[in-house]
């Protein structure tokens, strides 16, 4: 078995910093793509250091959610920008998230107009704390393909997250 190197201090958004990392046979980077303002840049950076395999994931959104507060539909090619949710959409989403995961949008992405503990901008930079994006599974797979990553295997958890094993092409 080869060497395992953890790089917790590497900011995958920083192209200059990522260029200092040597290519690795396996890159494992999960739980970040829905937190970054520009997931395509991050995937491209991860691809640049991936010799053979990339394991990554994102939170996904089903085609439609509907409850007592209303409905939200996402086309197959759609991406939901959480910062743009209307108050009605937030109520629909909050009820959905509460029932599914036990929390609301106030915890993951508060209304940008309403303040809150989690800020979209910190120290003059776009923050990586809120959830920025929820992809349809097709949109996420398409983003991977655009970044020249081929999905070899995938696993979906309850229409909530999509984990993938990819290889650069």
N, C-alpha and C. Protein backbone atom coordinates (compact mmCIF):
# COMPACT_ATOMS: atom_id res chain seq x y z
N UNK A 1 0.84 -1.19 0.00
CA UNK A 1 0.00 0.00 0.00
C UNK A 1 0.88 1.24 0.00
N UNK A 2 0.46 2.24 -0.74
CA UNK A 2 1.23 3.47 -0.86
C UNK A 2 1.10 4.35 0.36
N UNK A 3 1.74 5.48 0.30
CA UNK A 3 1.68 6.44 1.39
C UNK A 3 0.36 7.17 1.38
N UNK A 4 -0.17 7.40 2.56
CA UNK A 4 -1.38 8.20 2.72
C UNK A 4 -0.94 9.56 3.25
N UNK A 5 -1.30 10.60 2.54
CA UNK A 5 -0.93 11.95 2.93
C UNK A 5 -2.20 12.76 3.10
N UNK A 6 -2.40 13.28 4.31
CA UNK A 6 -3.54 14.18 4.55
C UNK A 6 -3.07 15.61 4.35
N UNK A 7 -3.90 16.42 3.73
CA UNK A 7 -3.56 17.80 3.48
C UNK A 7 -4.68 18.72 3.93
N UNK A 8 -4.95 18.76 5.24
CA UNK A 8 -6.09 19.54 5.72
C UNK A 8 -5.93 21.05 5.54
N UNK A 9 -4.72 21.54 5.38
CA UNK A 9 -4.51 22.97 5.24
C UNK A 9 -4.58 23.48 3.81
N UNK A 10 -4.80 22.59 2.85
CA UNK A 10 -4.84 22.99 1.44
C UNK A 10 -6.22 23.52 1.10
N UNK A 11 -6.27 24.72 0.59
CA UNK A 11 -7.53 25.31 0.16
C UNK A 11 -7.74 24.92 -1.31
N UNK A 12 -8.69 24.03 -1.54
CA UNK A 12 -8.91 23.51 -2.90
C UNK A 12 -9.43 24.57 -3.85
N UNK A 13 -9.79 25.74 -3.34
CA UNK A 13 -10.23 26.83 -4.21
C UNK A 13 -9.05 27.60 -4.79
N UNK A 14 -7.89 27.50 -4.17
CA UNK A 14 -6.72 28.29 -4.52
C UNK A 14 -5.87 27.57 -5.55
N UNK A 15 -5.91 28.04 -6.79
CA UNK A 15 -5.18 27.39 -7.89
C UNK A 15 -3.68 27.38 -7.64
N UNK A 16 -3.12 28.46 -7.11
CA UNK A 16 -1.68 28.51 -6.85
C UNK A 16 -1.28 27.50 -5.79
N UNK A 17 -2.05 27.41 -4.74
CA UNK A 17 -1.74 26.46 -3.67
C UNK A 17 -1.90 25.02 -4.14
N UNK A 18 -2.95 24.74 -4.89
CA UNK A 18 -3.19 23.37 -5.36
C UNK A 18 -2.09 22.95 -6.33
N UNK A 19 -1.49 23.90 -7.06
CA UNK A 19 -0.40 23.57 -7.98
C UNK A 19 0.85 23.10 -7.25
N UNK A 20 0.96 23.40 -5.95
CA UNK A 20 2.11 22.95 -5.15
C UNK A 20 1.95 21.51 -4.67
N UNK A 21 0.74 20.96 -4.80
CA UNK A 21 0.48 19.59 -4.36
C UNK A 21 0.84 18.65 -5.49
N UNK A 22 1.58 17.59 -5.15
CA UNK A 22 1.95 16.63 -6.19
C UNK A 22 0.72 15.82 -6.59
N UNK A 23 0.78 15.21 -7.76
CA UNK A 23 -0.32 14.34 -8.20
C UNK A 23 -0.39 13.13 -7.28
N UNK A 24 -1.62 12.72 -7.00
CA UNK A 24 -1.85 11.58 -6.11
C UNK A 24 -2.67 10.53 -6.85
N UNK A 25 -2.40 9.27 -6.54
CA UNK A 25 -3.17 8.19 -7.15
C UNK A 25 -4.65 8.30 -6.78
N UNK A 26 -4.91 8.63 -5.52
CA UNK A 26 -6.29 8.73 -5.03
C UNK A 26 -6.45 10.05 -4.30
N UNK A 27 -7.46 10.82 -4.69
CA UNK A 27 -7.81 12.06 -4.00
C UNK A 27 -9.20 11.86 -3.43
N UNK A 28 -9.35 12.11 -2.13
CA UNK A 28 -10.64 11.98 -1.46
C UNK A 28 -11.01 13.35 -0.91
N UNK A 29 -12.06 13.93 -1.46
CA UNK A 29 -12.51 15.25 -1.05
C UNK A 29 -14.03 15.26 -1.07
N UNK A 30 -14.61 15.09 0.10
CA UNK A 30 -16.07 15.02 0.19
C UNK A 30 -16.59 16.07 1.16
N UNK A 31 -17.85 16.40 1.00
CA UNK A 31 -18.51 17.33 1.91
C UNK A 31 -18.18 18.78 1.71
N UNK A 32 -17.69 19.14 0.51
CA UNK A 32 -17.33 20.55 0.30
C UNK A 32 -18.01 21.20 -0.90
N UNK A 33 -18.35 20.45 -1.93
CA UNK A 33 -18.79 21.07 -3.19
C UNK A 33 -20.04 21.94 -3.04
N UNK A 34 -20.93 21.61 -2.15
CA UNK A 34 -22.14 22.43 -1.96
C UNK A 34 -21.85 23.63 -1.07
N UNK A 35 -20.65 23.70 -0.49
CA UNK A 35 -20.25 24.82 0.36
C UNK A 35 -19.44 25.88 -0.38
N UNK A 36 -19.01 25.60 -1.58
CA UNK A 36 -18.12 26.55 -2.26
C UNK A 36 -18.88 27.36 -3.31
N UNK A 37 -18.55 28.63 -3.41
CA UNK A 37 -19.23 29.47 -4.39
C UNK A 37 -19.02 29.01 -5.83
N UNK A 38 -17.87 28.40 -6.13
CA UNK A 38 -17.57 27.98 -7.50
C UNK A 38 -17.14 26.51 -7.53
N UNK A 39 -18.10 25.59 -7.49
CA UNK A 39 -17.75 24.17 -7.49
C UNK A 39 -16.99 23.71 -8.74
N UNK A 40 -17.23 24.32 -9.88
CA UNK A 40 -16.50 23.92 -11.09
C UNK A 40 -15.01 24.19 -10.93
N UNK A 41 -14.65 25.32 -10.36
CA UNK A 41 -13.23 25.62 -10.11
C UNK A 41 -12.61 24.60 -9.17
N UNK A 42 -13.34 24.24 -8.13
CA UNK A 42 -12.83 23.27 -7.16
C UNK A 42 -12.65 21.91 -7.82
N UNK A 43 -13.63 21.46 -8.59
CA UNK A 43 -13.49 20.17 -9.28
C UNK A 43 -12.32 20.19 -10.25
N UNK A 44 -12.14 21.29 -10.96
CA UNK A 44 -11.02 21.39 -11.89
C UNK A 44 -9.70 21.31 -11.14
N UNK A 45 -9.62 21.97 -9.99
CA UNK A 45 -8.40 21.91 -9.18
C UNK A 45 -8.16 20.50 -8.66
N UNK A 46 -9.21 19.83 -8.19
CA UNK A 46 -9.06 18.46 -7.70
C UNK A 46 -8.62 17.54 -8.83
N UNK A 47 -9.19 17.74 -10.01
CA UNK A 47 -8.80 16.94 -11.17
C UNK A 47 -7.32 17.12 -11.47
N UNK A 48 -6.81 18.33 -11.30
CA UNK A 48 -5.41 18.61 -11.65
C UNK A 48 -4.42 17.85 -10.77
N UNK A 49 -4.84 17.41 -9.58
CA UNK A 49 -3.93 16.65 -8.71
C UNK A 49 -4.28 15.17 -8.67
N UNK A 50 -5.30 14.76 -9.40
CA UNK A 50 -5.74 13.37 -9.41
C UNK A 50 -5.03 12.59 -10.50
N UNK A 51 -4.23 11.64 -10.08
CA UNK A 51 -3.53 10.77 -11.03
C UNK A 51 -4.47 9.69 -11.56
N UNK A 52 -5.22 9.04 -10.64
CA UNK A 52 -6.04 7.91 -11.06
C UNK A 52 -7.49 8.01 -10.61
N UNK A 53 -7.75 8.24 -9.33
CA UNK A 53 -9.12 8.22 -8.79
C UNK A 53 -9.42 9.46 -7.96
N UNK A 54 -10.63 9.96 -8.10
CA UNK A 54 -11.16 11.02 -7.25
C UNK A 54 -12.46 10.51 -6.63
N UNK A 55 -12.53 10.59 -5.32
CA UNK A 55 -13.78 10.31 -4.61
C UNK A 55 -14.32 11.65 -4.14
N UNK A 56 -15.53 11.96 -4.54
CA UNK A 56 -16.14 13.21 -4.12
C UNK A 56 -17.66 13.02 -4.01
N UNK A 57 -18.34 14.04 -3.56
CA UNK A 57 -19.79 13.97 -3.44
C UNK A 57 -20.38 15.37 -3.40
N UNK A 58 -21.70 15.41 -3.43
CA UNK A 58 -22.41 16.65 -3.18
C UNK A 58 -23.80 16.31 -2.67
N UNK A 59 -24.41 17.30 -2.04
CA UNK A 59 -25.81 17.18 -1.66
C UNK A 59 -26.63 17.39 -2.93
N UNK A 60 -27.63 16.57 -3.11
CA UNK A 60 -28.47 16.68 -4.31
C UNK A 60 -29.90 17.01 -3.90
N UNK A 61 -30.70 17.34 -4.90
CA UNK A 61 -32.08 17.72 -4.67
C UNK A 61 -32.97 16.88 -5.57
N UNK A 62 -34.04 16.32 -5.02
CA UNK A 62 -34.92 15.52 -5.88
C UNK A 62 -35.62 16.39 -6.92
N UNK A 63 -36.21 15.74 -7.88
CA UNK A 63 -36.91 16.44 -8.96
C UNK A 63 -38.03 17.34 -8.42
N UNK A 64 -38.67 16.89 -7.36
CA UNK A 64 -39.79 17.66 -6.80
C UNK A 64 -39.95 17.34 -5.32
N UNK A 65 -40.14 18.38 -4.52
CA UNK A 65 -40.58 18.18 -3.15
C UNK A 65 -41.91 18.91 -2.99
N UNK A 66 -42.79 18.33 -2.25
CA UNK A 66 -44.10 18.93 -2.03
C UNK A 66 -44.55 18.60 -0.62
N UNK A 67 -45.08 19.61 0.06
CA UNK A 67 -45.63 19.42 1.39
C UNK A 67 -46.70 20.48 1.63
N UNK A 68 -47.13 20.61 2.86
CA UNK A 68 -48.21 21.55 3.18
C UNK A 68 -47.87 23.01 2.84
N UNK A 69 -46.59 23.33 2.74
CA UNK A 69 -46.16 24.71 2.44
C UNK A 69 -46.11 25.01 0.95
N UNK A 70 -46.19 23.97 0.12
CA UNK A 70 -46.14 24.17 -1.33
C UNK A 70 -45.23 23.15 -1.99
N UNK A 71 -44.66 23.52 -3.12
CA UNK A 71 -43.80 22.60 -3.88
C UNK A 71 -42.63 23.37 -4.48
N UNK A 72 -41.52 22.64 -4.65
CA UNK A 72 -40.36 23.15 -5.38
C UNK A 72 -40.00 22.08 -6.40
N UNK A 73 -39.86 22.51 -7.65
CA UNK A 73 -39.47 21.58 -8.72
C UNK A 73 -38.10 21.99 -9.25
N UNK A 74 -37.33 20.99 -9.58
CA UNK A 74 -36.02 21.22 -10.16
C UNK A 74 -35.93 20.42 -11.44
N UNK A 75 -35.71 21.06 -12.58
CA UNK A 75 -35.59 20.29 -13.82
C UNK A 75 -34.40 19.35 -13.76
N UNK A 76 -34.41 18.37 -14.62
CA UNK A 76 -33.34 17.37 -14.62
C UNK A 76 -31.96 18.01 -14.70
N UNK A 77 -31.83 19.08 -15.44
CA UNK A 77 -30.54 19.77 -15.59
C UNK A 77 -30.37 20.90 -14.57
N UNK A 78 -31.21 20.94 -13.55
CA UNK A 78 -31.25 22.08 -12.65
C UNK A 78 -30.28 22.06 -11.49
N UNK A 79 -29.98 23.28 -11.04
CA UNK A 79 -29.18 23.52 -9.85
C UNK A 79 -29.94 24.55 -9.03
N UNK A 80 -30.13 24.28 -7.76
CA UNK A 80 -30.86 25.17 -6.87
C UNK A 80 -29.86 26.07 -6.15
N UNK A 81 -29.98 27.38 -6.34
CA UNK A 81 -29.13 28.35 -5.64
C UNK A 81 -29.83 28.70 -4.34
N UNK A 82 -29.32 28.20 -3.24
CA UNK A 82 -29.99 28.34 -1.94
C UNK A 82 -30.13 29.80 -1.53
N UNK A 83 -29.15 30.62 -1.89
CA UNK A 83 -29.21 32.03 -1.51
C UNK A 83 -30.36 32.78 -2.17
N UNK A 84 -30.95 32.21 -3.21
CA UNK A 84 -32.03 32.87 -3.94
C UNK A 84 -33.41 32.36 -3.55
N UNK A 85 -33.49 31.44 -2.59
CA UNK A 85 -34.80 30.92 -2.20
C UNK A 85 -35.71 32.05 -1.73
N UNK A 86 -36.94 32.05 -2.21
CA UNK A 86 -37.93 33.01 -1.72
C UNK A 86 -38.39 32.57 -0.33
N UNK A 87 -39.11 33.41 0.34
CA UNK A 87 -39.63 33.04 1.67
C UNK A 87 -40.54 31.81 1.57
N UNK A 88 -41.38 31.75 0.53
CA UNK A 88 -42.23 30.58 0.35
C UNK A 88 -41.41 29.32 0.12
N UNK A 89 -40.40 29.44 -0.76
CA UNK A 89 -39.51 28.30 -1.02
C UNK A 89 -38.79 27.86 0.26
N UNK A 90 -38.39 28.83 1.08
CA UNK A 90 -37.73 28.49 2.35
C UNK A 90 -38.67 27.72 3.27
N UNK A 91 -39.92 28.09 3.30
CA UNK A 91 -40.88 27.35 4.14
C UNK A 91 -41.04 25.92 3.64
N UNK A 92 -41.15 25.75 2.32
CA UNK A 92 -41.25 24.41 1.74
C UNK A 92 -39.98 23.62 2.06
N UNK A 93 -38.84 24.23 1.82
CA UNK A 93 -37.56 23.56 2.07
C UNK A 93 -37.36 23.25 3.55
N UNK A 94 -37.73 24.19 4.42
CA UNK A 94 -37.57 23.97 5.86
C UNK A 94 -38.39 22.78 6.35
N UNK A 95 -39.61 22.66 5.89
CA UNK A 95 -40.44 21.53 6.30
C UNK A 95 -39.84 20.22 5.75
N UNK A 96 -39.40 20.23 4.51
CA UNK A 96 -38.76 19.06 3.90
C UNK A 96 -37.50 18.66 4.69
N UNK A 97 -36.61 19.63 4.95
CA UNK A 97 -35.36 19.33 5.65
C UNK A 97 -35.61 18.88 7.09
N UNK A 98 -36.57 19.51 7.75
CA UNK A 98 -36.88 19.12 9.13
C UNK A 98 -37.33 17.67 9.19
N UNK A 99 -38.20 17.30 8.30
CA UNK A 99 -38.70 15.92 8.29
C UNK A 99 -37.62 14.92 7.87
N UNK A 100 -36.77 15.31 6.94
CA UNK A 100 -35.77 14.38 6.39
C UNK A 100 -34.51 14.33 7.25
N UNK A 101 -34.03 15.50 7.69
CA UNK A 101 -32.71 15.57 8.33
C UNK A 101 -32.70 16.24 9.70
N UNK A 102 -33.80 16.86 10.09
CA UNK A 102 -33.86 17.45 11.43
C UNK A 102 -33.29 18.85 11.56
N UNK A 103 -33.15 19.57 10.46
CA UNK A 103 -32.71 20.97 10.54
C UNK A 103 -33.35 21.77 9.42
N UNK A 104 -33.17 23.09 9.45
CA UNK A 104 -33.80 23.99 8.48
C UNK A 104 -32.72 24.78 7.72
N UNK A 105 -33.18 25.60 6.79
CA UNK A 105 -32.25 26.43 6.02
C UNK A 105 -31.55 27.46 6.91
N UNK A 106 -32.13 27.78 8.06
CA UNK A 106 -31.46 28.73 8.97
C UNK A 106 -30.12 28.18 9.42
N UNK A 107 -30.01 26.87 9.51
CA UNK A 107 -28.76 26.23 9.92
C UNK A 107 -27.76 26.13 8.77
N UNK A 108 -28.22 25.84 7.57
CA UNK A 108 -27.30 25.56 6.47
C UNK A 108 -27.07 26.74 5.53
N UNK A 109 -28.04 27.64 5.43
CA UNK A 109 -27.92 28.76 4.50
C UNK A 109 -28.98 29.80 4.84
N UNK A 110 -28.73 30.61 5.85
CA UNK A 110 -29.74 31.60 6.23
C UNK A 110 -30.01 32.59 5.10
N UNK A 111 -31.17 33.19 5.13
CA UNK A 111 -31.55 34.17 4.14
C UNK A 111 -30.50 35.28 4.10
N UNK A 112 -29.86 35.53 2.95
CA UNK A 112 -28.82 36.57 2.88
C UNK A 112 -29.33 37.94 3.30
N UNK A 113 -30.61 38.20 3.10
CA UNK A 113 -31.17 39.50 3.48
C UNK A 113 -31.47 39.58 4.96
N UNK A 114 -31.53 38.43 5.63
CA UNK A 114 -31.95 38.41 7.03
C UNK A 114 -30.84 38.30 8.05
N UNK A 115 -29.59 38.36 7.61
CA UNK A 115 -28.48 38.23 8.56
C UNK A 115 -28.35 36.80 9.04
N UNK A 116 -28.12 36.64 10.31
CA UNK A 116 -27.94 35.30 10.88
C UNK A 116 -26.49 35.04 11.22
N UNK A 117 -26.26 33.93 11.90
CA UNK A 117 -24.91 33.59 12.35
C UNK A 117 -23.98 33.24 11.20
N UNK A 118 -24.48 32.54 10.22
CA UNK A 118 -23.65 32.09 9.10
C UNK A 118 -23.69 33.15 8.01
N UNK A 119 -22.56 33.72 7.72
CA UNK A 119 -22.49 34.79 6.73
C UNK A 119 -22.08 34.25 5.37
N UNK A 120 -22.62 34.85 4.33
CA UNK A 120 -22.27 34.49 2.96
C UNK A 120 -20.93 35.12 2.56
N UNK A 121 -20.58 36.21 3.24
CA UNK A 121 -19.31 36.89 2.97
C UNK A 121 -18.60 37.06 4.31
N UNK A 122 -17.33 36.65 4.35
CA UNK A 122 -16.50 36.79 5.55
C UNK A 122 -15.18 37.43 5.17
N UNK A 123 -14.78 38.43 5.93
CA UNK A 123 -13.50 39.10 5.69
C UNK A 123 -13.32 39.54 4.24
N UNK A 124 -14.40 40.01 3.64
CA UNK A 124 -14.34 40.50 2.27
C UNK A 124 -14.28 39.41 1.20
N UNK A 125 -14.46 38.16 1.56
CA UNK A 125 -14.41 37.04 0.62
C UNK A 125 -15.71 36.25 0.70
N UNK A 126 -16.07 35.56 -0.38
CA UNK A 126 -17.22 34.68 -0.34
C UNK A 126 -16.94 33.54 0.63
N UNK A 127 -17.88 33.27 1.50
CA UNK A 127 -17.71 32.28 2.56
C UNK A 127 -17.96 30.86 2.06
N UNK A 128 -17.37 29.91 2.74
CA UNK A 128 -17.60 28.50 2.44
C UNK A 128 -18.43 27.83 3.53
N UNK A 129 -19.12 28.60 4.34
CA UNK A 129 -19.94 28.01 5.39
C UNK A 129 -21.35 27.66 4.93
N UNK A 130 -22.04 28.54 4.25
CA UNK A 130 -23.42 28.14 3.89
C UNK A 130 -23.41 27.09 2.78
N UNK A 131 -24.53 26.43 2.64
CA UNK A 131 -24.74 25.59 1.47
C UNK A 131 -25.11 26.54 0.34
N UNK A 132 -24.37 26.53 -0.74
CA UNK A 132 -24.63 27.40 -1.87
C UNK A 132 -25.55 26.73 -2.89
N UNK A 133 -25.32 25.45 -3.18
CA UNK A 133 -25.95 24.80 -4.32
C UNK A 133 -26.51 23.43 -3.95
N UNK A 134 -27.63 23.09 -4.54
CA UNK A 134 -28.16 21.73 -4.52
C UNK A 134 -28.38 21.34 -5.98
N UNK A 135 -27.75 20.28 -6.41
CA UNK A 135 -27.80 19.83 -7.80
C UNK A 135 -28.83 18.74 -7.98
N UNK A 136 -29.39 18.66 -9.17
CA UNK A 136 -30.07 17.43 -9.57
C UNK A 136 -28.95 16.42 -9.80
N UNK A 137 -29.22 15.14 -9.67
CA UNK A 137 -28.17 14.15 -9.96
C UNK A 137 -27.59 14.32 -11.37
N UNK A 138 -28.44 14.57 -12.35
CA UNK A 138 -27.97 14.75 -13.72
C UNK A 138 -27.05 15.97 -13.84
N UNK A 139 -27.41 17.07 -13.18
CA UNK A 139 -26.59 18.28 -13.26
C UNK A 139 -25.21 18.04 -12.63
N UNK A 140 -25.17 17.30 -11.51
CA UNK A 140 -23.89 17.01 -10.87
C UNK A 140 -23.02 16.12 -11.77
N UNK A 141 -23.62 15.09 -12.33
CA UNK A 141 -22.87 14.22 -13.25
C UNK A 141 -22.35 15.02 -14.46
N UNK A 142 -23.16 15.95 -14.94
CA UNK A 142 -22.77 16.78 -16.09
C UNK A 142 -21.62 17.72 -15.72
N UNK A 143 -21.64 18.26 -14.50
CA UNK A 143 -20.54 19.11 -14.04
C UNK A 143 -19.25 18.30 -13.97
N UNK A 144 -19.33 17.09 -13.47
CA UNK A 144 -18.16 16.22 -13.42
C UNK A 144 -17.62 15.99 -14.83
N UNK A 145 -18.51 15.68 -15.77
CA UNK A 145 -18.10 15.44 -17.16
C UNK A 145 -17.47 16.69 -17.77
N UNK A 146 -18.05 17.85 -17.49
CA UNK A 146 -17.50 19.11 -17.99
C UNK A 146 -16.07 19.31 -17.49
N UNK A 147 -15.81 18.89 -16.27
CA UNK A 147 -14.48 19.00 -15.67
C UNK A 147 -13.59 17.83 -16.04
N UNK A 148 -14.01 17.06 -17.06
CA UNK A 148 -13.25 15.94 -17.60
C UNK A 148 -12.99 14.87 -16.55
N UNK A 149 -14.06 14.55 -15.80
CA UNK A 149 -14.04 13.45 -14.84
C UNK A 149 -15.11 12.45 -15.25
N UNK A 150 -14.72 11.20 -15.37
CA UNK A 150 -15.66 10.14 -15.74
C UNK A 150 -16.09 9.39 -14.49
N UNK A 151 -17.39 9.28 -14.28
CA UNK A 151 -17.91 8.54 -13.13
C UNK A 151 -17.75 7.05 -13.40
N UNK A 152 -17.04 6.37 -12.50
CA UNK A 152 -16.81 4.94 -12.60
C UNK A 152 -17.86 4.19 -11.76
N UNK A 153 -18.12 4.70 -10.56
CA UNK A 153 -19.15 4.15 -9.69
C UNK A 153 -19.79 5.29 -8.93
N UNK A 154 -21.04 5.06 -8.52
CA UNK A 154 -21.71 6.07 -7.70
C UNK A 154 -22.65 5.40 -6.71
N UNK A 155 -22.95 6.15 -5.67
CA UNK A 155 -23.86 5.68 -4.65
C UNK A 155 -24.71 6.88 -4.20
N UNK A 156 -26.01 6.71 -4.18
CA UNK A 156 -26.92 7.78 -3.78
C UNK A 156 -27.56 7.41 -2.45
N UNK A 157 -27.60 8.38 -1.55
CA UNK A 157 -28.24 8.17 -0.25
C UNK A 157 -29.55 8.98 -0.19
N UNK A 158 -30.66 8.29 -0.20
CA UNK A 158 -32.00 8.85 0.04
C UNK A 158 -32.31 10.14 -0.73
N UNK A 159 -31.93 10.21 -1.98
CA UNK A 159 -32.15 11.42 -2.78
C UNK A 159 -31.61 12.66 -2.08
N UNK A 160 -30.56 12.47 -1.27
CA UNK A 160 -29.99 13.60 -0.53
C UNK A 160 -28.52 13.84 -0.88
N UNK A 161 -27.76 12.79 -1.10
CA UNK A 161 -26.37 12.99 -1.48
C UNK A 161 -25.96 11.94 -2.52
N UNK A 162 -25.04 12.36 -3.35
CA UNK A 162 -24.52 11.51 -4.42
C UNK A 162 -23.01 11.45 -4.27
N UNK A 163 -22.51 10.25 -3.98
CA UNK A 163 -21.08 9.99 -3.85
C UNK A 163 -20.60 9.35 -5.16
N UNK A 164 -19.43 9.77 -5.62
CA UNK A 164 -18.93 9.24 -6.88
C UNK A 164 -17.44 8.89 -6.79
N UNK A 165 -17.09 7.87 -7.52
CA UNK A 165 -15.70 7.51 -7.78
C UNK A 165 -15.46 7.88 -9.24
N UNK A 166 -14.50 8.76 -9.48
CA UNK A 166 -14.24 9.26 -10.83
C UNK A 166 -12.80 9.04 -11.21
N UNK A 167 -12.57 9.11 -12.51
CA UNK A 167 -11.20 9.12 -13.02
C UNK A 167 -11.09 10.25 -14.03
N UNK A 168 -9.93 10.89 -14.06
CA UNK A 168 -9.75 11.96 -15.06
C UNK A 168 -9.67 11.36 -16.47
N UNK A 169 -10.21 12.09 -17.43
CA UNK A 169 -10.16 11.66 -18.82
C UNK A 169 -9.52 12.74 -19.68
